[in-house]
Amino acid sequence: MGVTWKNLAILCATLGLAGAWIANAPADDEAVFPMPRGKTLVSECGGCHTTYAPGLLPARSWRRMLSELGNHFGEDASVQEPVRLALLKDLEDMAADGAFADLRMRRIAASVPAAATPQRITETAYFRYIHDEVPREFWQRKAIGTPANCIACHPRANEGHYGEREVRIPK
């Protein structure tokens, strides 16, 4: 079978599409976590702090957190029950051990002891491992303030992007 312009065009189109697909795929160091499609999580939680990716904690942690919104780290973060239930569904589905968990998220869930129900992502073995090279004094910089302020260094944290290539450590 000879090479025709039609076959060559099909081959070029196929290679072009494959290249575009590969170019848009996240690299291993990008650490992209899925986020709920709706705006409820961003509007309700992101109004006060970084909108943390649900895949950073197991479902039991999110259940506990949403059951204690009246005292959410010392603040009253109560929401109407329909909103709480919508948040809970999104968080459980996309949790580290949820229905949509990928291999990295399942590893995060496995790193949390079965008896533990952490509410702070910064207390997980995953967080400590990923941030083990960050000098302690960085957390004390005014623009960062606390390890929980993900968006200070990860500008797209509210979108579930925590990639190393995007890290910008404030001075």
N, C-alpha and C. Protein backbone atom coordinates (compact mmCIF):
# COMPACT_ATOMS: atom_id res chain seq x y z
N MET A 1 0.85 -1.17 0.00
CA MET A 1 0.00 0.00 0.00
C MET A 1 0.90 1.24 0.00
N GLY A 2 0.66 2.09 -0.95
CA GLY A 2 1.47 3.29 -1.09
C GLY A 2 0.98 4.42 -0.19
N VAL A 3 1.85 5.36 0.01
CA VAL A 3 1.51 6.53 0.80
C VAL A 3 0.73 7.50 -0.09
N THR A 4 -0.44 7.87 0.39
CA THR A 4 -1.24 8.84 -0.34
C THR A 4 -1.33 10.11 0.49
N TRP A 5 -1.70 11.19 -0.15
CA TRP A 5 -1.88 12.45 0.58
C TRP A 5 -2.95 12.31 1.64
N LYS A 6 -3.98 11.53 1.35
CA LYS A 6 -5.07 11.33 2.32
C LYS A 6 -4.54 10.60 3.56
N ASN A 7 -3.78 9.51 3.34
CA ASN A 7 -3.22 8.76 4.47
C ASN A 7 -2.24 9.62 5.27
N LEU A 8 -1.44 10.42 4.56
CA LEU A 8 -0.49 11.30 5.23
C LEU A 8 -1.22 12.36 6.06
N ALA A 9 -2.30 12.89 5.53
CA ALA A 9 -3.09 13.89 6.26
C ALA A 9 -3.71 13.28 7.51
N ILE A 10 -4.22 12.05 7.40
CA ILE A 10 -4.81 11.36 8.55
C ILE A 10 -3.75 11.10 9.61
N LEU A 11 -2.56 10.65 9.16
CA LEU A 11 -1.47 10.40 10.10
C LEU A 11 -1.06 11.70 10.81
N CYS A 12 -0.93 12.78 10.07
CA CYS A 12 -0.55 14.07 10.69
C CYS A 12 -1.61 14.55 11.67
N ALA A 13 -2.88 14.41 11.31
CA ALA A 13 -3.96 14.82 12.20
C ALA A 13 -3.94 13.99 13.48
N THR A 14 -3.73 12.69 13.33
CA THR A 14 -3.70 11.81 14.50
C THR A 14 -2.53 12.17 15.41
N LEU A 15 -1.35 12.36 14.82
CA LEU A 15 -0.18 12.74 15.62
C LEU A 15 -0.39 14.09 16.29
N GLY A 16 -1.00 15.02 15.58
CA GLY A 16 -1.28 16.34 16.15
C GLY A 16 -2.21 16.26 17.34
N LEU A 17 -3.27 15.45 17.22
CA LEU A 17 -4.22 15.28 18.33
C LEU A 17 -3.54 14.59 19.51
N ALA A 18 -2.74 13.58 19.23
CA ALA A 18 -2.03 12.88 20.31
C ALA A 18 -1.06 13.83 21.01
N GLY A 19 -0.37 14.66 20.23
CA GLY A 19 0.55 15.63 20.82
C GLY A 19 -0.17 16.64 21.70
N ALA A 20 -1.32 17.10 21.24
CA ALA A 20 -2.11 18.05 22.04
C ALA A 20 -2.59 17.39 23.32
N TRP A 21 -3.00 16.14 23.24
CA TRP A 21 -3.48 15.42 24.41
C TRP A 21 -2.35 15.26 25.43
N ILE A 22 -1.16 14.87 24.94
CA ILE A 22 -0.01 14.69 25.83
C ILE A 22 0.42 16.03 26.42
N ALA A 23 0.42 17.07 25.62
CA ALA A 23 0.84 18.39 26.11
C ALA A 23 -0.09 18.93 27.18
N ASN A 24 -1.36 18.57 27.13
CA ASN A 24 -2.32 19.07 28.11
C ASN A 24 -2.48 18.15 29.31
N ALA A 25 -1.82 17.00 29.28
CA ALA A 25 -1.89 16.08 30.41
C ALA A 25 -1.00 16.61 31.53
N PRO A 26 -1.45 16.49 32.78
CA PRO A 26 -0.61 16.99 33.87
C PRO A 26 0.66 16.17 34.02
N ALA A 27 1.75 16.83 34.28
CA ALA A 27 3.01 16.14 34.54
C ALA A 27 2.94 15.52 35.93
N ASP A 28 3.84 14.59 36.20
CA ASP A 28 3.83 13.89 37.48
C ASP A 28 3.93 14.84 38.66
N ASP A 29 4.64 15.95 38.50
CA ASP A 29 4.84 16.85 39.63
C ASP A 29 3.76 17.93 39.74
N GLU A 30 2.73 17.85 38.92
CA GLU A 30 1.72 18.90 38.95
C GLU A 30 0.75 18.78 40.11
N ALA A 31 0.54 17.62 40.64
CA ALA A 31 -0.35 17.42 41.78
C ALA A 31 -1.69 18.13 41.57
N VAL A 32 -2.44 17.69 40.59
CA VAL A 32 -3.75 18.25 40.30
C VAL A 32 -4.80 17.35 40.94
N PHE A 33 -5.63 17.95 41.77
CA PHE A 33 -6.69 17.22 42.44
C PHE A 33 -8.04 17.67 41.88
N PRO A 34 -8.94 16.73 41.65
CA PRO A 34 -10.25 17.14 41.13
C PRO A 34 -11.01 17.99 42.14
N MET A 35 -11.75 18.94 41.61
CA MET A 35 -12.58 19.82 42.43
C MET A 35 -14.03 19.68 41.96
N PRO A 36 -14.98 19.89 42.86
CA PRO A 36 -16.39 19.81 42.46
C PRO A 36 -16.69 20.82 41.34
N ARG A 37 -17.59 20.45 40.45
CA ARG A 37 -17.95 21.32 39.33
C ARG A 37 -18.75 22.54 39.78
N GLY A 38 -19.60 22.36 40.77
CA GLY A 38 -20.41 23.47 41.25
C GLY A 38 -19.59 24.50 41.99
N LYS A 39 -20.21 25.60 42.32
CA LYS A 39 -19.53 26.71 42.99
C LYS A 39 -19.74 26.71 44.50
N THR A 40 -20.48 25.75 45.03
CA THR A 40 -20.81 25.77 46.46
C THR A 40 -19.57 25.71 47.34
N LEU A 41 -18.65 24.80 47.04
CA LEU A 41 -17.45 24.67 47.87
C LEU A 41 -16.63 25.95 47.84
N VAL A 42 -16.44 26.51 46.66
CA VAL A 42 -15.65 27.74 46.53
C VAL A 42 -16.34 28.90 47.24
N SER A 43 -17.65 29.04 47.05
CA SER A 43 -18.34 30.18 47.65
C SER A 43 -18.48 30.05 49.16
N GLU A 44 -18.76 28.87 49.66
CA GLU A 44 -18.98 28.70 51.10
C GLU A 44 -17.69 28.59 51.89
N CYS A 45 -16.73 27.85 51.38
CA CYS A 45 -15.48 27.63 52.11
C CYS A 45 -14.40 28.62 51.69
N GLY A 46 -14.32 28.87 50.39
CA GLY A 46 -13.28 29.74 49.87
C GLY A 46 -13.46 31.20 50.22
N GLY A 47 -14.61 31.57 50.78
CA GLY A 47 -14.80 32.94 51.21
C GLY A 47 -13.96 33.30 52.42
N CYS A 48 -13.53 32.28 53.18
CA CYS A 48 -12.75 32.53 54.39
C CYS A 48 -11.32 32.01 54.31
N HIS A 49 -11.09 30.99 53.52
CA HIS A 49 -9.75 30.40 53.42
C HIS A 49 -9.60 29.70 52.08
N THR A 50 -8.44 29.15 51.85
CA THR A 50 -8.19 28.38 50.64
C THR A 50 -9.27 27.32 50.48
N THR A 51 -9.74 27.12 49.28
CA THR A 51 -10.68 26.04 49.01
C THR A 51 -9.86 24.77 48.83
N TYR A 52 -9.75 23.99 49.87
CA TYR A 52 -8.91 22.79 49.84
C TYR A 52 -9.53 21.73 48.95
N ALA A 53 -8.68 21.03 48.21
CA ALA A 53 -9.14 19.93 47.37
C ALA A 53 -9.65 18.81 48.26
N PRO A 54 -10.84 18.29 47.98
CA PRO A 54 -11.40 17.21 48.80
C PRO A 54 -10.49 15.98 48.89
N GLY A 55 -9.68 15.74 47.86
CA GLY A 55 -8.81 14.57 47.84
C GLY A 55 -7.64 14.62 48.80
N LEU A 56 -7.54 15.69 49.57
CA LEU A 56 -6.45 15.80 50.54
C LEU A 56 -6.78 15.19 51.90
N LEU A 57 -8.04 14.79 52.09
CA LEU A 57 -8.46 14.15 53.33
C LEU A 57 -9.43 13.00 53.01
N PRO A 58 -9.51 12.01 53.90
CA PRO A 58 -10.50 10.94 53.69
C PRO A 58 -11.92 11.45 53.99
N ALA A 59 -12.91 10.73 53.49
CA ALA A 59 -14.31 11.13 53.65
C ALA A 59 -14.70 11.30 55.12
N ARG A 60 -14.20 10.45 55.99
CA ARG A 60 -14.57 10.55 57.41
C ARG A 60 -14.15 11.89 58.02
N SER A 61 -13.05 12.43 57.52
CA SER A 61 -12.60 13.74 58.01
C SER A 61 -13.57 14.83 57.57
N TRP A 62 -14.00 14.78 56.31
CA TRP A 62 -14.96 15.78 55.81
C TRP A 62 -16.30 15.65 56.52
N ARG A 63 -16.73 14.41 56.79
CA ARG A 63 -17.99 14.21 57.52
C ARG A 63 -17.91 14.86 58.90
N ARG A 64 -16.80 14.61 59.59
CA ARG A 64 -16.62 15.19 60.93
C ARG A 64 -16.60 16.71 60.84
N MET A 65 -15.85 17.24 59.88
CA MET A 65 -15.72 18.68 59.75
C MET A 65 -17.09 19.33 59.52
N LEU A 66 -17.88 18.75 58.63
CA LEU A 66 -19.18 19.34 58.32
C LEU A 66 -20.20 19.12 59.43
N SER A 67 -19.93 18.18 60.33
CA SER A 67 -20.84 17.99 61.47
C SER A 67 -20.52 18.96 62.61
N GLU A 68 -19.35 19.64 62.51
CA GLU A 68 -18.91 20.55 63.56
C GLU A 68 -18.73 21.98 63.06
N LEU A 69 -19.52 22.39 62.09
CA LEU A 69 -19.36 23.73 61.51
C LEU A 69 -19.67 24.85 62.50
N GLY A 70 -20.42 24.56 63.53
CA GLY A 70 -20.70 25.58 64.55
C GLY A 70 -19.44 26.00 65.29
N ASN A 71 -18.44 25.14 65.31
CA ASN A 71 -17.14 25.45 65.91
C ASN A 71 -16.06 24.98 64.95
N HIS A 72 -15.91 25.70 63.86
CA HIS A 72 -14.96 25.35 62.80
C HIS A 72 -13.66 26.09 63.06
N PHE A 73 -12.76 25.42 63.77
CA PHE A 73 -11.48 26.02 64.14
C PHE A 73 -11.69 27.35 64.88
N GLY A 74 -12.66 27.33 65.79
CA GLY A 74 -12.93 28.50 66.62
C GLY A 74 -13.92 29.49 66.03
N GLU A 75 -14.42 29.23 64.85
CA GLU A 75 -15.38 30.13 64.17
C GLU A 75 -16.69 29.40 63.93
N ASP A 76 -17.77 30.17 63.85
CA ASP A 76 -19.06 29.60 63.48
C ASP A 76 -19.19 29.67 61.96
N ALA A 77 -19.04 28.53 61.31
CA ALA A 77 -19.13 28.45 59.85
C ALA A 77 -20.40 27.74 59.42
N SER A 78 -21.42 27.79 60.27
CA SER A 78 -22.69 27.10 59.98
C SER A 78 -23.29 27.56 58.66
N VAL A 79 -23.90 26.62 57.97
CA VAL A 79 -24.60 26.90 56.72
C VAL A 79 -25.97 26.23 56.79
N GLN A 80 -26.85 26.63 55.90
CA GLN A 80 -28.17 26.01 55.84
C GLN A 80 -28.00 24.51 55.53
N GLU A 81 -28.91 23.69 56.04
CA GLU A 81 -28.79 22.24 55.89
C GLU A 81 -28.69 21.77 54.43
N PRO A 82 -29.48 22.32 53.50
CA PRO A 82 -29.31 21.87 52.10
C PRO A 82 -27.91 22.17 51.55
N VAL A 83 -27.34 23.28 51.97
CA VAL A 83 -25.98 23.63 51.53
C VAL A 83 -24.98 22.67 52.15
N ARG A 84 -25.15 22.38 53.44
CA ARG A 84 -24.25 21.45 54.13
C ARG A 84 -24.29 20.08 53.47
N LEU A 85 -25.49 19.62 53.12
CA LEU A 85 -25.61 18.31 52.48
C LEU A 85 -24.98 18.29 51.09
N ALA A 86 -25.11 19.38 50.36
CA ALA A 86 -24.48 19.47 49.02
C ALA A 86 -22.96 19.45 49.16
N LEU A 87 -22.45 20.21 50.13
CA LEU A 87 -21.01 20.21 50.38
C LEU A 87 -20.53 18.82 50.78
N LEU A 88 -21.27 18.19 51.66
CA LEU A 88 -20.89 16.86 52.15
C LEU A 88 -20.83 15.86 51.00
N LYS A 89 -21.80 15.89 50.12
CA LYS A 89 -21.80 14.96 48.97
C LYS A 89 -20.57 15.18 48.11
N ASP A 90 -20.28 16.43 47.76
CA ASP A 90 -19.11 16.72 46.94
C ASP A 90 -17.83 16.27 47.64
N LEU A 91 -17.70 16.60 48.91
CA LEU A 91 -16.49 16.27 49.65
C LEU A 91 -16.30 14.76 49.81
N GLU A 92 -17.37 14.05 50.10
CA GLU A 92 -17.28 12.59 50.23
C GLU A 92 -16.94 11.93 48.90
N ASP A 93 -17.61 12.35 47.83
CA ASP A 93 -17.35 11.75 46.51
C ASP A 93 -15.91 11.97 46.06
N MET A 94 -15.36 13.14 46.36
CA MET A 94 -14.04 13.50 45.85
C MET A 94 -12.95 13.38 46.91
N ALA A 95 -13.29 12.78 48.04
CA ALA A 95 -12.32 12.59 49.13
C ALA A 95 -11.22 11.63 48.70
N ALA A 96 -10.17 11.57 49.50
CA ALA A 96 -9.03 10.71 49.20
C ALA A 96 -9.43 9.25 49.07
N ASP A 97 -10.49 8.86 49.73
CA ASP A 97 -11.00 7.49 49.63
C ASP A 97 -12.39 7.45 49.01
N GLY A 98 -12.75 8.50 48.29
CA GLY A 98 -14.08 8.60 47.69
C GLY A 98 -14.20 7.88 46.36
N ALA A 99 -15.38 7.99 45.79
CA ALA A 99 -15.71 7.31 44.55
C ALA A 99 -14.82 7.72 43.38
N PHE A 100 -14.30 8.94 43.39
CA PHE A 100 -13.50 9.44 42.28
C PHE A 100 -12.00 9.49 42.59
N ALA A 101 -11.58 8.81 43.64
CA ALA A 101 -10.17 8.86 44.06
C ALA A 101 -9.26 8.16 43.06
N ASP A 102 -8.16 8.82 42.74
CA ASP A 102 -7.15 8.21 41.89
C ASP A 102 -6.10 7.56 42.79
N LEU A 103 -5.05 7.01 42.19
CA LEU A 103 -4.04 6.29 42.96
C LEU A 103 -3.36 7.19 44.00
N ARG A 104 -3.00 8.42 43.62
CA ARG A 104 -2.34 9.33 44.57
C ARG A 104 -3.27 9.61 45.75
N MET A 105 -4.55 9.83 45.47
CA MET A 105 -5.49 10.13 46.55
C MET A 105 -5.68 8.92 47.46
N ARG A 106 -5.72 7.72 46.89
CA ARG A 106 -5.86 6.52 47.71
C ARG A 106 -4.62 6.34 48.60
N ARG A 107 -3.46 6.75 48.09
CA ARG A 107 -2.24 6.70 48.93
C ARG A 107 -2.35 7.69 50.08
N ILE A 108 -2.92 8.84 49.82
CA ILE A 108 -3.13 9.82 50.89
C ILE A 108 -4.05 9.22 51.95
N ALA A 109 -5.15 8.62 51.50
CA ALA A 109 -6.10 8.00 52.44
C ALA A 109 -5.42 6.89 53.23
N ALA A 110 -4.60 6.09 52.57
CA ALA A 110 -3.92 4.99 53.26
C ALA A 110 -2.90 5.50 54.27
N SER A 111 -2.40 6.71 54.08
CA SER A 111 -1.40 7.25 55.01
C SER A 111 -2.04 7.79 56.29
N VAL A 112 -3.36 7.90 56.31
CA VAL A 112 -4.07 8.37 57.50
C VAL A 112 -4.50 7.13 58.29
N PRO A 113 -4.02 6.98 59.52
CA PRO A 113 -4.41 5.81 60.31
C PRO A 113 -5.92 5.66 60.40
N ALA A 114 -6.39 4.42 60.37
CA ALA A 114 -7.83 4.14 60.36
C ALA A 114 -8.56 4.76 61.55
N ALA A 115 -7.89 4.85 62.68
CA ALA A 115 -8.52 5.41 63.88
C ALA A 115 -8.50 6.94 63.89
N ALA A 116 -7.79 7.53 62.96
CA ALA A 116 -7.64 9.00 62.94
C ALA A 116 -8.69 9.65 62.04
N THR A 117 -9.10 10.84 62.44
CA THR A 117 -10.02 11.64 61.65
C THR A 117 -9.49 13.07 61.62
N PRO A 118 -8.38 13.28 60.91
CA PRO A 118 -7.78 14.61 60.92
C PRO A 118 -8.68 15.63 60.23
N GLN A 119 -8.68 16.83 60.76
CA GLN A 119 -9.41 17.92 60.12
C GLN A 119 -8.44 18.92 59.51
N ARG A 120 -7.20 18.83 59.86
CA ARG A 120 -6.18 19.71 59.31
C ARG A 120 -5.34 18.94 58.30
N ILE A 121 -5.35 19.38 57.08
CA ILE A 121 -4.55 18.75 56.03
C ILE A 121 -3.08 18.79 56.42
N THR A 122 -2.69 19.85 57.10
CA THR A 122 -1.29 20.02 57.50
C THR A 122 -0.82 18.96 58.50
N GLU A 123 -1.75 18.22 59.10
CA GLU A 123 -1.38 17.19 60.07
C GLU A 123 -1.25 15.81 59.44
N THR A 124 -1.48 15.71 58.14
CA THR A 124 -1.41 14.41 57.48
C THR A 124 0.03 14.08 57.11
N ALA A 125 0.32 12.80 57.04
CA ALA A 125 1.65 12.34 56.64
C ALA A 125 1.96 12.82 55.22
N TYR A 126 0.97 12.87 54.36
CA TYR A 126 1.17 13.33 52.98
C TYR A 126 1.67 14.76 52.96
N PHE A 127 1.01 15.64 53.70
CA PHE A 127 1.42 17.05 53.74
C PHE A 127 2.85 17.18 54.26
N ARG A 128 3.14 16.48 55.35
CA ARG A 128 4.48 16.56 55.94
C ARG A 128 5.54 16.05 54.96
N TYR A 129 5.24 14.98 54.25
CA TYR A 129 6.18 14.42 53.28
C TYR A 129 6.43 15.40 52.13
N ILE A 130 5.36 15.96 51.57
CA ILE A 130 5.48 16.87 50.44
C ILE A 130 6.21 18.16 50.82
N HIS A 131 6.03 18.59 52.06
CA HIS A 131 6.61 19.86 52.50
C HIS A 131 7.85 19.70 53.39
N ASP A 132 8.44 18.52 53.39
CA ASP A 132 9.58 18.28 54.30
C ASP A 132 10.80 19.13 54.00
N GLU A 133 10.91 19.66 52.78
CA GLU A 133 12.06 20.49 52.42
C GLU A 133 11.81 21.98 52.66
N VAL A 134 10.62 22.33 53.07
CA VAL A 134 10.30 23.75 53.29
C VAL A 134 10.86 24.16 54.65
N PRO A 135 11.77 25.12 54.67
CA PRO A 135 12.34 25.57 55.94
C PRO A 135 11.24 26.13 56.87
N ARG A 136 11.36 25.85 58.13
CA ARG A 136 10.38 26.27 59.13
C ARG A 136 10.12 27.78 59.10
N GLU A 137 11.18 28.57 58.85
CA GLU A 137 11.01 30.02 58.88
C GLU A 137 10.12 30.53 57.73
N PHE A 138 9.98 29.75 56.66
CA PHE A 138 9.11 30.16 55.56
C PHE A 138 7.66 30.31 56.04
N TRP A 139 7.23 29.38 56.89
CA TRP A 139 5.84 29.41 57.38
C TRP A 139 5.57 30.68 58.19
N GLN A 140 6.61 31.27 58.74
CA GLN A 140 6.45 32.45 59.59
C GLN A 140 6.50 33.76 58.81
N ARG A 141 6.73 33.69 57.52
CA ARG A 141 6.72 34.91 56.72
C ARG A 141 5.33 35.52 56.74
N LYS A 142 5.27 36.82 56.78
CA LYS A 142 4.00 37.53 56.89
C LYS A 142 3.02 37.15 55.77
N ALA A 143 3.51 36.99 54.56
CA ALA A 143 2.64 36.67 53.42
C ALA A 143 2.13 35.23 53.45
N ILE A 144 2.75 34.38 54.28
CA ILE A 144 2.31 32.98 54.38
C ILE A 144 1.55 32.80 55.69
N GLY A 145 2.22 33.02 56.81
CA GLY A 145 1.57 33.01 58.11
C GLY A 145 1.32 31.66 58.72
N THR A 146 0.92 30.68 57.92
CA THR A 146 0.59 29.36 58.44
C THR A 146 0.70 28.34 57.31
N PRO A 147 1.05 27.10 57.62
CA PRO A 147 1.11 26.07 56.58
C PRO A 147 -0.26 25.82 55.91
N ALA A 148 -1.33 26.19 56.57
CA ALA A 148 -2.67 25.99 56.00
C ALA A 148 -3.02 27.00 54.91
N ASN A 149 -2.20 28.02 54.76
CA ASN A 149 -2.45 29.06 53.76
C ASN A 149 -1.87 28.62 52.41
N CYS A 150 -2.41 27.57 51.85
CA CYS A 150 -1.88 26.96 50.62
C CYS A 150 -1.75 27.97 49.49
N ILE A 151 -2.74 28.83 49.36
CA ILE A 151 -2.78 29.75 48.23
C ILE A 151 -1.64 30.76 48.25
N ALA A 152 -0.98 30.92 49.38
CA ALA A 152 0.16 31.84 49.45
C ALA A 152 1.28 31.38 48.53
N CYS A 153 1.49 30.09 48.42
CA CYS A 153 2.57 29.55 47.59
C CYS A 153 2.06 28.83 46.34
N HIS A 154 0.82 28.33 46.41
CA HIS A 154 0.20 27.61 45.28
C HIS A 154 -0.92 28.49 44.73
N PRO A 155 -0.63 29.35 43.76
CA PRO A 155 -1.62 30.33 43.30
C PRO A 155 -2.91 29.74 42.75
N ARG A 156 -2.88 28.47 42.33
CA ARG A 156 -4.10 27.85 41.80
C ARG A 156 -4.65 26.77 42.74
N ALA A 157 -4.35 26.88 44.03
CA ALA A 157 -4.84 25.91 45.00
C ALA A 157 -6.36 25.84 45.01
N ASN A 158 -7.04 26.96 44.83
CA ASN A 158 -8.51 26.97 44.82
C ASN A 158 -9.08 26.17 43.65
N GLU A 159 -8.23 25.84 42.68
CA GLU A 159 -8.65 25.03 41.53
C GLU A 159 -8.15 23.59 41.67
N GLY A 160 -7.51 23.26 42.79
CA GLY A 160 -6.99 21.92 43.00
C GLY A 160 -5.60 21.71 42.44
N HIS A 161 -4.92 22.78 42.05
CA HIS A 161 -3.56 22.68 41.48
C HIS A 161 -2.53 23.02 42.55
N TYR A 162 -1.68 22.04 42.84
CA TYR A 162 -0.64 22.21 43.85
C TYR A 162 0.73 21.84 43.28
N GLY A 163 0.93 22.05 42.00
CA GLY A 163 2.14 21.61 41.33
C GLY A 163 3.39 22.36 41.74
N GLU A 164 4.49 21.64 41.78
CA GLU A 164 5.78 22.23 42.15
C GLU A 164 6.21 23.31 41.19
N ARG A 165 5.90 23.14 39.91
CA ARG A 165 6.33 24.13 38.92
C ARG A 165 5.60 25.46 39.07
N GLU A 166 4.48 25.44 39.77
CA GLU A 166 3.71 26.68 39.97
C GLU A 166 3.98 27.34 41.31
N VAL A 167 4.77 26.70 42.15
CA VAL A 167 5.02 27.25 43.50
C VAL A 167 5.73 28.59 43.40
N ARG A 168 5.19 29.56 44.13
CA ARG A 168 5.78 30.89 44.24
C ARG A 168 5.84 31.22 45.72
N ILE A 169 7.01 31.13 46.32
CA ILE A 169 7.15 31.36 47.76
C ILE A 169 7.33 32.84 47.99
N PRO A 170 6.39 33.47 48.71
CA PRO A 170 6.50 34.91 48.98
C PRO A 170 7.72 35.24 49.82
N LYS A 171 8.26 36.40 49.59
CA LYS A 171 9.42 36.88 50.34
C LYS A 171 9.01 37.39 51.70
